[in-house]
Full PDB file with SEQRES, HELIX, SHEET, SSBOND, CRYST1, ORIGX, SCALE, CONECT and MASTER records, all heavy atoms in Angstrom:
SEQRES   1 A   43  ASP THR PRO ALA PRO VAL LEU LYS LEU SER ALA ALA GLU          
SEQRES   2 A   43  GLU ASP ALA HIS GLY SER SER GLY ALA ASP ALA SER ASP          
SEQRES   3 A   43  ASP THR GLU ALA ALA ALA GLN ASN THR ALA ALA ASP THR          
SEQRES   4 A   43  ALA SER ASP SER                                              
HELIX    1 AA1 ALA A   16  GLY A   18  5                                   3    
HELIX    2 AA2 GLY A   21  ASP A   42  1                                  22    
CRYST1    1.000    1.000    1.000  90.00  90.00  90.00 P 1           1          
ORIGX1      1.000000  0.000000  0.000000        0.00000                         
ORIGX2      0.000000  1.000000  0.000000        0.00000                         
ORIGX3      0.000000  0.000000  1.000000        0.00000                         
SCALE1      1.000000  0.000000  0.000000        0.00000                         
SCALE2      0.000000  1.000000  0.000000        0.00000                         
SCALE3      0.000000  0.000000  1.000000        0.00000                         
ATOM      1  N   ASP A   1       0.819  -1.216   0.000  1.00  0.00           N  
ATOM      2  CA  ASP A   1       0.000   0.000   0.000  1.00  0.00           C  
ATOM      3  C   ASP A   1       0.853   1.267   0.000  1.00  0.00           C  
ATOM      4  O   ASP A   1       0.501   2.271  -0.615  1.00  0.00           O  
ATOM      5  CB  ASP A   1      -0.934  -0.002   1.210  1.00  0.00           C  
ATOM      6  CG  ASP A   1      -1.977  -1.104   1.126  1.00  0.00           C  
ATOM      7  OD1 ASP A   1      -2.298  -1.525  -0.006  1.00  0.00           O  
ATOM      8  OD2 ASP A   1      -2.457  -1.553   2.184  1.00  0.00           O  
ATOM      9  N   THR A   2       1.961   1.225   0.719  1.00  0.00           N  
ATOM     10  CA  THR A   2       2.839   2.402   0.801  1.00  0.00           C  
ATOM     11  C   THR A   2       4.266   1.995   0.425  1.00  0.00           C  
ATOM     12  O   THR A   2       5.153   1.915   1.277  1.00  0.00           O  
ATOM     13  CB  THR A   2       2.812   3.015   2.213  1.00  0.00           C  
ATOM     14  OG1 THR A   2       3.122   1.990   3.177  1.00  0.00           O  
ATOM     15  CG2 THR A   2       1.450   3.593   2.532  1.00  0.00           C  
ATOM     16  N   PRO A   3       4.504   1.745  -0.860  1.00  0.00           N  
ATOM     17  CA  PRO A   3       5.827   1.282  -1.297  1.00  0.00           C  
ATOM     18  C   PRO A   3       6.883   2.376  -1.217  1.00  0.00           C  
ATOM     19  O   PRO A   3       6.601   3.554  -1.441  1.00  0.00           O  
ATOM     20  CB  PRO A   3       5.586   0.855  -2.747  1.00  0.00           C  
ATOM     21  CG  PRO A   3       4.461   1.736  -3.194  1.00  0.00           C  
ATOM     22  CD  PRO A   3       3.574   1.898  -1.992  1.00  0.00           C  
ATOM     23  N   ALA A   4       8.098   1.977  -0.897  1.00  0.00           N  
ATOM     24  CA  ALA A   4       9.224   2.907  -0.879  1.00  0.00           C  
ATOM     25  C   ALA A   4       9.684   3.173  -2.309  1.00  0.00           C  
ATOM     26  O   ALA A   4       9.599   2.291  -3.174  1.00  0.00           O  
ATOM     27  CB  ALA A   4      10.373   2.329  -0.060  1.00  0.00           C  
ATOM     28  N   PRO A   5      10.168   4.370  -2.604  1.00  0.00           N  
ATOM     29  CA  PRO A   5      10.718   4.649  -3.937  1.00  0.00           C  
ATOM     30  C   PRO A   5      11.927   3.758  -4.215  1.00  0.00           C  
ATOM     31  O   PRO A   5      12.808   3.618  -3.361  1.00  0.00           O  
ATOM     32  CB  PRO A   5      11.120   6.122  -3.860  1.00  0.00           C  
ATOM     33  CG  PRO A   5      10.305   6.691  -2.745  1.00  0.00           C  
ATOM     34  CD  PRO A   5      10.148   5.576  -1.757  1.00  0.00           C  
ATOM     35  N   VAL A   6      11.968   3.170  -5.406  1.00  0.00           N  
ATOM     36  CA  VAL A   6      13.053   2.267  -5.786  1.00  0.00           C  
ATOM     37  C   VAL A   6      13.692   2.779  -7.072  1.00  0.00           C  
ATOM     38  O   VAL A   6      13.010   3.004  -8.075  1.00  0.00           O  
ATOM     39  CB  VAL A   6      12.546   0.830  -5.985  1.00  0.00           C  
ATOM     40  CG1 VAL A   6      13.686  -0.075  -6.456  1.00  0.00           C  
ATOM     41  CG2 VAL A   6      11.935   0.292  -4.695  1.00  0.00           C  
ATOM     42  N   LEU A   7      15.011   2.956  -7.046  1.00  0.00           N  
ATOM     43  CA  LEU A   7      15.761   3.398  -8.212  1.00  0.00           C  
ATOM     44  C   LEU A   7      16.423   2.190  -8.872  1.00  0.00           C  
ATOM     45  O   LEU A   7      17.274   1.532  -8.275  1.00  0.00           O  
ATOM     46  CB  LEU A   7      16.831   4.420  -7.809  1.00  0.00           C  
ATOM     47  CG  LEU A   7      17.761   4.908  -8.924  1.00  0.00           C  
ATOM     48  CD1 LEU A   7      16.978   5.695  -9.968  1.00  0.00           C  
ATOM     49  CD2 LEU A   7      18.904   5.743  -8.352  1.00  0.00           C  
ATOM     50  N   LYS A   8      16.033   1.893 -10.114  1.00  0.00           N  
ATOM     51  CA  LYS A   8      16.631   0.794 -10.854  1.00  0.00           C  
ATOM     52  C   LYS A   8      17.944   1.249 -11.487  1.00  0.00           C  
ATOM     53  O   LYS A   8      18.009   2.321 -12.086  1.00  0.00           O  
ATOM     54  CB  LYS A   8      15.676   0.307 -11.952  1.00  0.00           C  
ATOM     55  CG  LYS A   8      14.330  -0.189 -11.435  1.00  0.00           C  
ATOM     56  CD  LYS A   8      14.467  -1.464 -10.635  1.00  0.00           C  
ATOM     57  CE  LYS A   8      13.101  -1.998 -10.217  1.00  0.00           C  
ATOM     58  NZ  LYS A   8      13.218  -3.253  -9.427  1.00  0.00           N  
ATOM     59  N   LEU A   9      18.968   0.429 -11.335  1.00  0.00           N  
ATOM     60  CA  LEU A   9      20.286   0.760 -11.883  1.00  0.00           C  
ATOM     61  C   LEU A   9      20.515  -0.009 -13.179  1.00  0.00           C  
ATOM     62  O   LEU A   9      20.220  -1.203 -13.270  1.00  0.00           O  
ATOM     63  CB  LEU A   9      21.385   0.418 -10.868  1.00  0.00           C  
ATOM     64  CG  LEU A   9      21.269   1.082  -9.493  1.00  0.00           C  
ATOM     65  CD1 LEU A   9      22.452   0.693  -8.626  1.00  0.00           C  
ATOM     66  CD2 LEU A   9      21.188   2.606  -9.626  1.00  0.00           C  
ATOM     67  N   SER A  10      21.055   0.691 -14.166  1.00  0.00           N  
ATOM     68  CA  SER A  10      21.372   0.055 -15.444  1.00  0.00           C  
ATOM     69  C   SER A  10      22.807  -0.450 -15.430  1.00  0.00           C  
ATOM     70  O   SER A  10      23.567  -0.182 -14.502  1.00  0.00           O  
ATOM     71  CB  SER A  10      21.162   1.049 -16.594  1.00  0.00           C  
ATOM     72  OG  SER A  10      21.997   2.185 -16.434  1.00  0.00           O  
ATOM     73  N   ALA A  11      23.168  -1.176 -16.479  1.00  0.00           N  
ATOM     74  CA  ALA A  11      24.515  -1.738 -16.571  1.00  0.00           C  
ATOM     75  C   ALA A  11      25.557  -0.631 -16.609  1.00  0.00           C  
ATOM     76  O   ALA A  11      25.301   0.483 -17.085  1.00  0.00           O  
ATOM     77  CB  ALA A  11      24.631  -2.614 -17.821  1.00  0.00           C  
ATOM     78  N   ALA A  12      26.739  -0.940 -16.090  1.00  0.00           N  
ATOM     79  CA  ALA A  12      27.817   0.046 -16.036  1.00  0.00           C  
ATOM     80  C   ALA A  12      28.206   0.471 -17.443  1.00  0.00           C  
ATOM     81  O   ALA A  12      28.251  -0.343 -18.372  1.00  0.00           O  
ATOM     82  CB  ALA A  12      29.016  -0.535 -15.302  1.00  0.00           C  
ATOM     83  N   GLU A  13      28.500   1.755 -17.605  1.00  0.00           N  
ATOM     84  CA  GLU A  13      28.925   2.282 -18.891  1.00  0.00           C  
ATOM     85  C   GLU A  13      30.440   2.288 -18.977  1.00  0.00           C  
ATOM     86  O   GLU A  13      31.126   2.469 -17.976  1.00  0.00           O  
ATOM     87  CB  GLU A  13      28.388   3.709 -19.078  1.00  0.00           C  
ATOM     88  CG  GLU A  13      26.870   3.789 -19.076  1.00  0.00           C  
ATOM     89  CD  GLU A  13      26.387   5.214 -19.200  1.00  0.00           C  
ATOM     90  OE1 GLU A  13      27.235   6.128 -19.133  1.00  0.00           O  
ATOM     91  OE2 GLU A  13      25.173   5.424 -19.368  1.00  0.00           O  
ATOM     92  N   GLU A  14      30.956   2.098 -20.210  1.00  0.00           N  
ATOM     93  CA  GLU A  14      32.404   2.102 -20.411  1.00  0.00           C  
ATOM     94  C   GLU A  14      32.961   3.501 -20.179  1.00  0.00           C  
ATOM     95  O   GLU A  14      32.347   4.502 -20.532  1.00  0.00           O  
ATOM     96  CB  GLU A  14      32.753   1.643 -21.829  1.00  0.00           C  
ATOM     97  CG  GLU A  14      32.405   0.180 -22.096  1.00  0.00           C  
ATOM     98  CD  GLU A  14      32.850  -0.248 -23.470  1.00  0.00           C  
ATOM     99  OE1 GLU A  14      33.477   0.582 -24.167  1.00  0.00           O  
ATOM    100  OE2 GLU A  14      32.584  -1.395 -23.846  1.00  0.00           O  
ATOM    101  N   ASP A  15      34.145   3.564 -19.586  1.00  0.00           N  
ATOM    102  CA  ASP A  15      34.775   4.849 -19.284  1.00  0.00           C  
ATOM    103  C   ASP A  15      35.426   5.397 -20.548  1.00  0.00           C  
ATOM    104  O   ASP A  15      36.424   4.872 -21.031  1.00  0.00           O  
ATOM    105  CB  ASP A  15      35.814   4.672 -18.172  1.00  0.00           C  
ATOM    106  CG  ASP A  15      36.393   6.015 -17.723  1.00  0.00           C  
ATOM    107  OD1 ASP A  15      35.933   7.067 -18.197  1.00  0.00           O  
ATOM    108  OD2 ASP A  15      37.292   5.986 -16.881  1.00  0.00           O  
ATOM    109  N   ALA A  16      34.842   6.457 -21.081  1.00  0.00           N  
ATOM    110  CA  ALA A  16      35.376   7.039 -22.316  1.00  0.00           C  
ATOM    111  C   ALA A  16      36.709   7.725 -22.097  1.00  0.00           C  
ATOM    112  O   ALA A  16      37.459   7.978 -23.031  1.00  0.00           O  
ATOM    113  CB  ALA A  16      34.376   8.046 -22.887  1.00  0.00           C  
ATOM    114  N   HIS A  17      37.053   8.036 -20.824  1.00  0.00           N  
ATOM    115  CA  HIS A  17      38.307   8.740 -20.555  1.00  0.00           C  
ATOM    116  C   HIS A  17      39.493   7.781 -20.448  1.00  0.00           C  
ATOM    117  O   HIS A  17      40.614   8.207 -20.237  1.00  0.00           O  
ATOM    118  CB  HIS A  17      38.182   9.522 -19.247  1.00  0.00           C  
ATOM    119  CG  HIS A  17      37.087  10.546 -19.292  1.00  0.00           C  
ATOM    120  ND1 HIS A  17      37.161  11.692 -20.043  1.00  0.00           N  
ATOM    121  CD2 HIS A  17      35.872  10.580 -18.682  1.00  0.00           C  
ATOM    122  CE1 HIS A  17      36.059  12.406 -19.884  1.00  0.00           C  
ATOM    123  NE2 HIS A  17      35.254  11.751 -19.071  1.00  0.00           N  
ATOM    124  N   GLY A  18      39.237   6.480 -20.605  1.00  0.00           N  
ATOM    125  CA  GLY A  18      40.315   5.524 -20.413  1.00  0.00           C  
ATOM    126  C   GLY A  18      41.222   5.356 -21.618  1.00  0.00           C  
ATOM    127  O   GLY A  18      42.298   4.786 -21.528  1.00  0.00           O  
ATOM    128  N   SER A  19      40.820   5.845 -22.810  1.00  0.00           N  
ATOM    129  CA  SER A  19      41.630   5.661 -24.005  1.00  0.00           C  
ATOM    130  C   SER A  19      42.781   6.653 -24.017  1.00  0.00           C  
ATOM    131  O   SER A  19      42.690   7.751 -23.500  1.00  0.00           O  
ATOM    132  CB  SER A  19      40.750   5.852 -25.255  1.00  0.00           C  
ATOM    133  OG  SER A  19      40.175   7.136 -25.254  1.00  0.00           O  
ATOM    134  N   SER A  20      43.886   6.258 -24.660  1.00  0.00           N  
ATOM    135  CA  SER A  20      45.062   7.115 -24.702  1.00  0.00           C  
ATOM    136  C   SER A  20      44.890   8.204 -25.739  1.00  0.00           C  
ATOM    137  O   SER A  20      44.026   8.149 -26.601  1.00  0.00           O  
ATOM    138  CB  SER A  20      46.300   6.277 -25.063  1.00  0.00           C  
ATOM    139  OG  SER A  20      46.177   5.759 -26.376  1.00  0.00           O  
ATOM    140  N   GLY A  21      45.771   9.207 -25.702  1.00  0.00           N  
ATOM    141  CA  GLY A  21      45.679  10.316 -26.647  1.00  0.00           C  
ATOM    142  C   GLY A  21      45.903   9.852 -28.065  1.00  0.00           C  
ATOM    143  O   GLY A  21      45.256  10.308 -28.989  1.00  0.00           O  
ATOM    144  N   ALA A  22      46.875   8.916 -28.276  1.00  0.00           N  
ATOM    145  CA  ALA A  22      47.161   8.435 -29.623  1.00  0.00           C  
ATOM    146  C   ALA A  22      45.947   7.724 -30.189  1.00  0.00           C  
ATOM    147  O   ALA A  22      45.582   7.902 -31.346  1.00  0.00           O  
ATOM    148  CB  ALA A  22      48.377   7.494 -29.593  1.00  0.00           C  
ATOM    149  N   ASP A  23      45.311   6.880 -29.359  1.00  0.00           N  
ATOM    150  CA  ASP A  23      44.138   6.152 -29.827  1.00  0.00           C  
ATOM    151  C   ASP A  23      43.029   7.123 -30.181  1.00  0.00           C  
ATOM    152  O   ASP A  23      42.324   6.966 -31.173  1.00  0.00           O  
ATOM    153  CB  ASP A  23      43.654   5.174 -28.746  1.00  0.00           C  
ATOM    154  CG  ASP A  23      44.664   4.055 -28.526  1.00  0.00           C  
ATOM    155  OD1 ASP A  23      45.481   3.832 -29.432  1.00  0.00           O  
ATOM    156  OD2 ASP A  23      44.612   3.418 -27.450  1.00  0.00           O  
ATOM    157  N   ALA A  24      42.854   8.141 -29.337  1.00  0.00           N  
ATOM    158  CA  ALA A  24      41.791   9.117 -29.592  1.00  0.00           C  
ATOM    159  C   ALA A  24      42.066   9.857 -30.893  1.00  0.00           C  
ATOM    160  O   ALA A  24      41.145  10.125 -31.679  1.00  0.00           O  
ATOM    161  CB  ALA A  24      41.706  10.108 -28.434  1.00  0.00           C  
ATOM    162  N   SER A  25      43.372  10.202 -31.159  1.00  0.00           N  
ATOM    163  CA  SER A  25      43.719  10.894 -32.389  1.00  0.00           C  
ATOM    164  C   SER A  25      43.450  10.023 -33.599  1.00  0.00           C  
ATOM    165  O   SER A  25      42.921  10.480 -34.615  1.00  0.00           O  
ATOM    166  CB  SER A  25      45.196  11.307 -32.340  1.00  0.00           C  
ATOM    167  OG  SER A  25      45.580  11.913 -33.561  1.00  0.00           O  
ATOM    168  N   ASP A  26      43.860   8.741 -33.502  1.00  0.00           N  
ATOM    169  CA  ASP A  26      43.618   7.816 -34.605  1.00  0.00           C  
ATOM    170  C   ASP A  26      42.132   7.678 -34.880  1.00  0.00           C  
ATOM    171  O   ASP A  26      41.700   7.649 -36.044  1.00  0.00           O  
ATOM    172  CB  ASP A  26      44.224   6.443 -34.280  1.00  0.00           C  
ATOM    173  CG  ASP A  26      45.752   6.505 -34.235  1.00  0.00           C  
ATOM    174  OD1 ASP A  26      46.315   7.481 -34.769  1.00  0.00           O  
ATOM    175  OD2 ASP A  26      46.362   5.589 -33.647  1.00  0.00           O  
ATOM    176  N   ASP A  27      41.352   7.560 -33.810  1.00  0.00           N  
ATOM    177  CA  ASP A  27      39.907   7.413 -33.978  1.00  0.00           C  
ATOM    178  C   ASP A  27      39.312   8.650 -34.641  1.00  0.00           C  
ATOM    179  O   ASP A  27      38.441   8.555 -35.511  1.00  0.00           O  
ATOM    180  CB  ASP A  27      39.227   7.184 -32.615  1.00  0.00           C  
ATOM    181  CG  ASP A  27      39.615   5.835 -32.018  1.00  0.00           C  
ATOM    182  OD1 ASP A  27      40.088   4.983 -32.796  1.00  0.00           O  
ATOM    183  OD2 ASP A  27      39.428   5.663 -30.796  1.00  0.00           O  
ATOM    184  N   THR A  28      39.812   9.827 -34.251  1.00  0.00           N  
ATOM    185  CA  THR A  28      39.301  11.064 -34.830  1.00  0.00           C  
ATOM    186  C   THR A  28      39.618  11.146 -36.313  1.00  0.00           C  
ATOM    187  O   THR A  28      38.775  11.526 -37.135  1.00  0.00           O  
ATOM    188  CB  THR A  28      39.912  12.284 -34.111  1.00  0.00           C  
ATOM    189  OG1 THR A  28      39.605  12.203 -32.730  1.00  0.00           O  
ATOM    190  CG2 THR A  28      39.365  13.578 -34.688  1.00  0.00           C  
ATOM    191  N   GLU A  29      40.882  10.780 -36.680  1.00  0.00           N  
ATOM    192  CA  GLU A  29      41.279  10.820 -38.088  1.00  0.00           C  
ATOM    193  C   GLU A  29      40.466   9.837 -38.912  1.00  0.00           C  
ATOM    194  O   GLU A  29      40.008  10.145 -40.012  1.00  0.00           O  
ATOM    195  CB  GLU A  29      42.772  10.504 -38.210  1.00  0.00           C  
ATOM    196  CG  GLU A  29      43.297  10.610 -39.647  1.00  0.00           C  
ATOM    197  CD  GLU A  29      44.792  10.340 -39.722  1.00  0.00           C  
ATOM    198  OE1 GLU A  29      45.418  10.199 -38.655  1.00  0.00           O  
ATOM    199  OE2 GLU A  29      45.318  10.284 -40.844  1.00  0.00           O  
ATOM    200  N   ALA A  30      40.292   8.630 -38.366  1.00  0.00           N  
ATOM    201  CA  ALA A  30      39.522   7.618 -39.083  1.00  0.00           C  
ATOM    202  C   ALA A  30      38.076   8.074 -39.270  1.00  0.00           C  
ATOM    203  O   ALA A  30      37.476   7.888 -40.336  1.00  0.00           O  
ATOM    204  CB  ALA A  30      39.548   6.293 -38.315  1.00  0.00           C  
ATOM    205  N   ALA A  31      37.524   8.694 -38.237  1.00  0.00           N  
ATOM    206  CA  ALA A  31      36.150   9.181 -38.332  1.00  0.00           C  
ATOM    207  C   ALA A  31      36.036  10.257 -39.398  1.00  0.00           C  
ATOM    208  O   ALA A  31      35.063  10.304 -40.156  1.00  0.00           O  
ATOM    209  CB  ALA A  31      35.695   9.727 -36.980  1.00  0.00           C  
ATOM    210  N   ALA A  32      37.058  11.131 -39.488  1.00  0.00           N  
ATOM    211  CA  ALA A  32      37.044  12.196 -40.486  1.00  0.00           C  
ATOM    212  C   ALA A  32      37.095  11.615 -41.894  1.00  0.00           C  
ATOM    213  O   ALA A  32      36.395  12.068 -42.804  1.00  0.00           O  
ATOM    214  CB  ALA A  32      38.212  13.145 -40.259  1.00  0.00           C  
ATOM    215  N   GLN A  33      37.964  10.589 -42.082  1.00  0.00           N  
ATOM    216  CA  GLN A  33      38.069   9.959 -43.392  1.00  0.00           C  
ATOM    217  C   GLN A  33      36.756   9.286 -43.786  1.00  0.00           C  
ATOM    218  O   GLN A  33      36.309   9.381 -44.926  1.00  0.00           O  
ATOM    219  CB  GLN A  33      39.206   8.944 -43.388  1.00  0.00           C  
ATOM    220  CG  GLN A  33      40.587   9.582 -43.256  1.00  0.00           C  
ATOM    221  CD  GLN A  33      41.685   8.545 -43.158  1.00  0.00           C  
ATOM    222  OE1 GLN A  33      41.403   7.353 -43.083  1.00  0.00           O  
ATOM    223  NE2 GLN A  33      42.939   8.993 -43.164  1.00  0.00           N  
ATOM    224  N   ASN A  34      36.152   8.598 -42.841  1.00  0.00           N  
ATOM    225  CA  ASN A  34      34.886   7.926 -43.120  1.00  0.00           C  
ATOM    226  C   ASN A  34      33.800   8.934 -43.468  1.00  0.00           C  
ATOM    227  O   ASN A  34      32.980   8.712 -44.359  1.00  0.00           O  
ATOM    228  CB  ASN A  34      34.450   7.096 -41.908  1.00  0.00           C  
ATOM    229  CG  ASN A  34      35.356   5.895 -41.690  1.00  0.00           C  
ATOM    230  OD1 ASN A  34      35.984   5.426 -42.639  1.00  0.00           O  
ATOM    231  ND2 ASN A  34      35.415   5.396 -40.466  1.00  0.00           N  
ATOM    232  N   THR A  35      33.809  10.058 -42.748  1.00  0.00           N  
ATOM    233  CA  THR A  35      32.813  11.094 -43.017  1.00  0.00           C  
ATOM    234  C   THR A  35      32.979  11.661 -44.416  1.00  0.00           C  
ATOM    235  O   THR A  35      32.009  11.880 -45.144  1.00  0.00           O  
ATOM    236  CB  THR A  35      32.935  12.230 -41.981  1.00  0.00           C  
ATOM    237  OG1 THR A  35      32.750  11.689 -40.679  1.00  0.00           O  
ATOM    238  CG2 THR A  35      31.902  13.315 -42.247  1.00  0.00           C  
ATOM    239  N   ALA A  36      34.266  11.903 -44.822  1.00  0.00           N  
ATOM    240  CA  ALA A  36      34.529  12.427 -46.162  1.00  0.00           C  
ATOM    241  C   ALA A  36      34.080  11.442 -47.232  1.00  0.00           C  
ATOM    242  O   ALA A  36      33.484  11.819 -48.240  1.00  0.00           O  
ATOM    243  CB  ALA A  36      36.022  12.736 -46.310  1.00  0.00           C  
ATOM    244  N   ALA A  37      34.378  10.154 -47.004  1.00  0.00           N  
ATOM    245  CA  ALA A  37      33.982   9.127 -47.968  1.00  0.00           C  
ATOM    246  C   ALA A  37      32.470   9.045 -48.080  1.00  0.00           C  
ATOM    247  O   ALA A  37      31.911   8.930 -49.170  1.00  0.00           O  
ATOM    248  CB  ALA A  37      34.561   7.766 -47.548  1.00  0.00           C  
ATOM    249  N   ASP A  38      31.792   9.098 -46.932  1.00  0.00           N  
ATOM    250  CA  ASP A  38      30.332   9.030 -46.944  1.00  0.00           C  
ATOM    251  C   ASP A  38      29.740  10.232 -47.666  1.00  0.00           C  
ATOM    252  O   ASP A  38      28.766  10.119 -48.412  1.00  0.00           O  
ATOM    253  CB  ASP A  38      29.787   8.987 -45.510  1.00  0.00           C  
ATOM    254  CG  ASP A  38      30.148   7.679 -44.818  1.00  0.00           C  
ATOM    255  OD1 ASP A  38      30.477   6.711 -45.540  1.00  0.00           O  
ATOM    256  OD2 ASP A  38      30.090   7.640 -43.564  1.00  0.00           O  
ATOM    257  N   THR A  39      30.362  11.415 -47.458  1.00  0.00           N  
ATOM    258  CA  THR A  39      29.873  12.621 -48.113  1.00  0.00           C  
ATOM    259  C   THR A  39      30.000  12.518 -49.625  1.00  0.00           C  
ATOM    260  O   THR A  39      29.096  12.870 -50.385  1.00  0.00           O  
ATOM    261  CB  THR A  39      30.651  13.853 -47.624  1.00  0.00           C  
ATOM    262  OG1 THR A  39      30.511  13.947 -46.209  1.00  0.00           O  
ATOM    263  CG2 THR A  39      30.134  15.122 -48.274  1.00  0.00           C  
ATOM    264  N   ALA A  40      31.185  12.020 -50.079  1.00  0.00           N  
ATOM    265  CA  ALA A  40      31.405  11.862 -51.520  1.00  0.00           C  
ATOM    266  C   ALA A  40      30.425  10.866 -52.103  1.00  0.00           C  
ATOM    267  O   ALA A  40      29.866  11.056 -53.172  1.00  0.00           O  
ATOM    268  CB  ALA A  40      32.851  11.420 -51.775  1.00  0.00           C  
ATOM    269  N   SER A  41      30.221   9.762 -51.379  1.00  0.00           N  
ATOM    270  CA  SER A  41      29.292   8.742 -51.852  1.00  0.00           C  
ATOM    271  C   SER A  41      27.881   9.291 -51.946  1.00  0.00           C  
ATOM    272  O   SER A  41      27.175   9.068 -52.916  1.00  0.00           O  
ATOM    273  CB  SER A  41      29.315   7.538 -50.901  1.00  0.00           C  
ATOM    274  OG  SER A  41      28.361   6.569 -51.289  1.00  0.00           O  
ATOM    275  N   ASP A  42      27.482  10.040 -50.904  1.00  0.00           N  
ATOM    276  CA  ASP A  42      26.141  10.616 -50.901  1.00  0.00           C  
ATOM    277  C   ASP A  42      25.982  11.605 -52.049  1.00  0.00           C  
ATOM    278  O   ASP A  42      24.939  11.685 -52.690  1.00  0.00           O  
ATOM    279  CB  ASP A  42      25.872  11.330 -49.573  1.00  0.00           C  
ATOM    280  CG  ASP A  42      25.774  10.343 -48.436  1.00  0.00           C  
ATOM    281  OD1 ASP A  42      25.566   9.148 -48.734  1.00  0.00           O  
ATOM    282  OD2 ASP A  42      25.897  10.765 -47.269  1.00  0.00           O  
ATOM    283  N   SER A  43      27.082  12.386 -52.328  1.00  0.00           N  
ATOM    284  CA  SER A  43      27.024  13.371 -53.404  1.00  0.00           C  
ATOM    285  C   SER A  43      26.847  12.697 -54.749  1.00  0.00           C  
ATOM    286  O   SER A  43      26.045  13.108 -55.578  1.00  0.00           O  
ATOM    287  CB  SER A  43      28.295  14.228 -53.397  1.00  0.00           C  
ATOM    288  OG  SER A  43      28.283  15.132 -54.480  1.00  0.00           O  
TER     289      SER A  43                                                      
MASTER        0    0    0    2    0    0    0    6  288    1    0    4          
END                                                                             
């Protein structure tokens, strides 16, 4: 009749700050190249 509020917890999220600077740079460059390719293809 008088339930206590219950907060459901979701699965833990991956820590985005754990990647190194080099990896982040590589990922950014790869993303830029993919974006350019997709743009050309769409055009």
